[in-house]
């Protein structure tokens, strides 16, 4: 279960990054292109981590 716990930590960090970039988009509209790119990348990572968690928790 160590792998699963590591993935859960990674997922929490991805969620925090997504939240941070969303807030930054509002506060720094001049960085929209960069922040949108970073947000998209974090969302891709989140999907991959969630998929791996599902794989590890299926019986």
C-alpha atoms as a PDB file:
ATOM      1  CA  UNK A   1       0.000   0.000   0.000  1.00  0.00           C
ATOM      2  CA  UNK A   2       2.997   2.310   0.038  1.00  0.00           C
ATOM      3  CA  UNK A   3       2.565   2.980  -3.693  1.00  0.00           C
ATOM      4  CA  UNK A   4      -1.065   3.903  -3.163  1.00  0.00           C
ATOM      5  CA  UNK A   5      -0.206   6.302  -0.354  1.00  0.00           C
ATOM      6  CA  UNK A   6       2.439   7.988  -2.511  1.00  0.00           C
ATOM      7  CA  UNK A   7      -0.106   8.410  -5.302  1.00  0.00           C
ATOM      8  CA  UNK A   8      -2.621   9.909  -2.897  1.00  0.00           C
ATOM      9  CA  UNK A   9      -0.006  12.445  -1.765  1.00  0.00           C
ATOM     10  CA  UNK A  10       0.823  13.245  -5.395  1.00  0.00           C
ATOM     11  CA  UNK A  11      -2.877  13.686  -6.193  1.00  0.00           C
ATOM     12  CA  UNK A  12      -3.301  16.096  -3.299  1.00  0.00           C
ATOM     13  CA  UNK A  13      -0.352  18.141  -4.543  1.00  0.00           C
ATOM     14  CA  UNK A  14      -1.716  18.203  -8.078  1.00  0.00           C
ATOM     15  CA  UNK A  15      -5.051  19.446  -6.743  1.00  0.00           C
ATOM     16  CA  UNK A  16      -3.263  22.163  -4.760  1.00  0.00           C
ATOM     17  CA  UNK A  17      -1.304  23.216  -7.852  1.00  0.00           C
ATOM     18  CA  UNK A  18      -4.503  23.386  -9.896  1.00  0.00           C
ATOM     19  CA  UNK A  19      -6.095  25.561  -7.235  1.00  0.00           C
ATOM     20  CA  UNK A  20      -3.040  27.828  -7.116  1.00  0.00           C
ATOM     21  CA  UNK A  21      -2.919  28.308 -10.895  1.00  0.00           C
ATOM     22  CA  UNK A  22      -6.653  29.020 -11.013  1.00  0.00           C
ATOM     23  CA  UNK A  23      -6.239  31.756  -8.405  1.00  0.00           C
ATOM     24  CA  UNK A  24      -3.204  33.152 -10.201  1.00  0.00           C
ATOM     25  CA  UNK A  25      -5.183  33.368 -13.448  1.00  0.00           C
ATOM     26  CA  UNK A  26      -7.588  35.738 -11.732  1.00  0.00           C
ATOM     27  CA  UNK A  27      -4.872  37.783 -10.034  1.00  0.00           C
ATOM     28  CA  UNK A  28      -2.408  37.932 -12.947  1.00  0.00           C
ATOM     29  CA  UNK A  29      -4.281  38.130 -16.255  1.00  0.00           C
ATOM     30  CA  UNK A  30      -1.064  39.112 -18.046  1.00  0.00           C
ATOM     31  CA  UNK A  31       0.226  35.592 -17.422  1.00  0.00           C
ATOM     32  CA  UNK A  32      -2.859  33.905 -18.846  1.00  0.00           C
ATOM     33  CA  UNK A  33      -1.053  31.971 -21.576  1.00  0.00           C
ATOM     34  CA  UNK A  34       1.600  30.548 -19.239  1.00  0.00           C
ATOM     35  CA  UNK A  35      -0.779  29.826 -16.389  1.00  0.00           C
ATOM     36  CA  UNK A  36      -3.311  28.190 -18.692  1.00  0.00           C
ATOM     37  CA  UNK A  37      -0.575  25.921 -20.029  1.00  0.00           C
ATOM     38  CA  UNK A  38       0.557  24.998 -16.512  1.00  0.00           C
ATOM     39  CA  UNK A  39      -3.021  24.399 -15.417  1.00  0.00           C
ATOM     40  CA  UNK A  40      -3.616  22.079 -18.359  1.00  0.00           C
ATOM     41  CA  UNK A  41      -0.462  20.123 -17.547  1.00  0.00           C
ATOM     42  CA  UNK A  42      -1.466  19.714 -13.899  1.00  0.00           C
ATOM     43  CA  UNK A  43      -4.908  18.509 -14.956  1.00  0.00           C
ATOM     44  CA  UNK A  44      -3.287  15.890 -17.216  1.00  0.00           C
ATOM     45  CA  UNK A  45      -1.125  14.721 -14.313  1.00  0.00           C
ATOM     46  CA  UNK A  46      -4.191  14.502 -12.092  1.00  0.00           C
ATOM     47  CA  UNK A  47      -5.980  12.262 -14.603  1.00  0.00           C
ATOM     48  CA  UNK A  48      -2.955   9.959 -14.862  1.00  0.00           C
ATOM     49  CA  UNK A  49      -2.613   9.671 -11.091  1.00  0.00           C
ATOM     50  CA  UNK A  50      -6.333   8.993 -10.638  1.00  0.00           C
ATOM     51  CA  UNK A  51      -6.135   6.281 -13.293  1.00  0.00           C
ATOM     52  CA  UNK A  52      -3.214   4.607 -11.539  1.00  0.00           C
ATOM     53  CA  UNK A  53      -5.023   4.765  -8.186  1.00  0.00           C
ATOM     54  CA  UNK A  54      -8.039   3.059  -9.762  1.00  0.00           C
ATOM     55  CA  UNK A  55      -5.769   0.355 -11.209  1.00  0.00           C
ATOM     56  CA  UNK A  56      -4.175  -0.320  -7.824  1.00  0.00           C
ATOM     57  CA  UNK A  57      -7.478  -0.435  -5.960  1.00  0.00           C
ATOM     58  CA  UNK A  58      -9.340  -2.755  -8.326  1.00  0.00           C
ATOM     59  CA  UNK A  59      -9.639  -6.357  -7.248  1.00  0.00           C
END
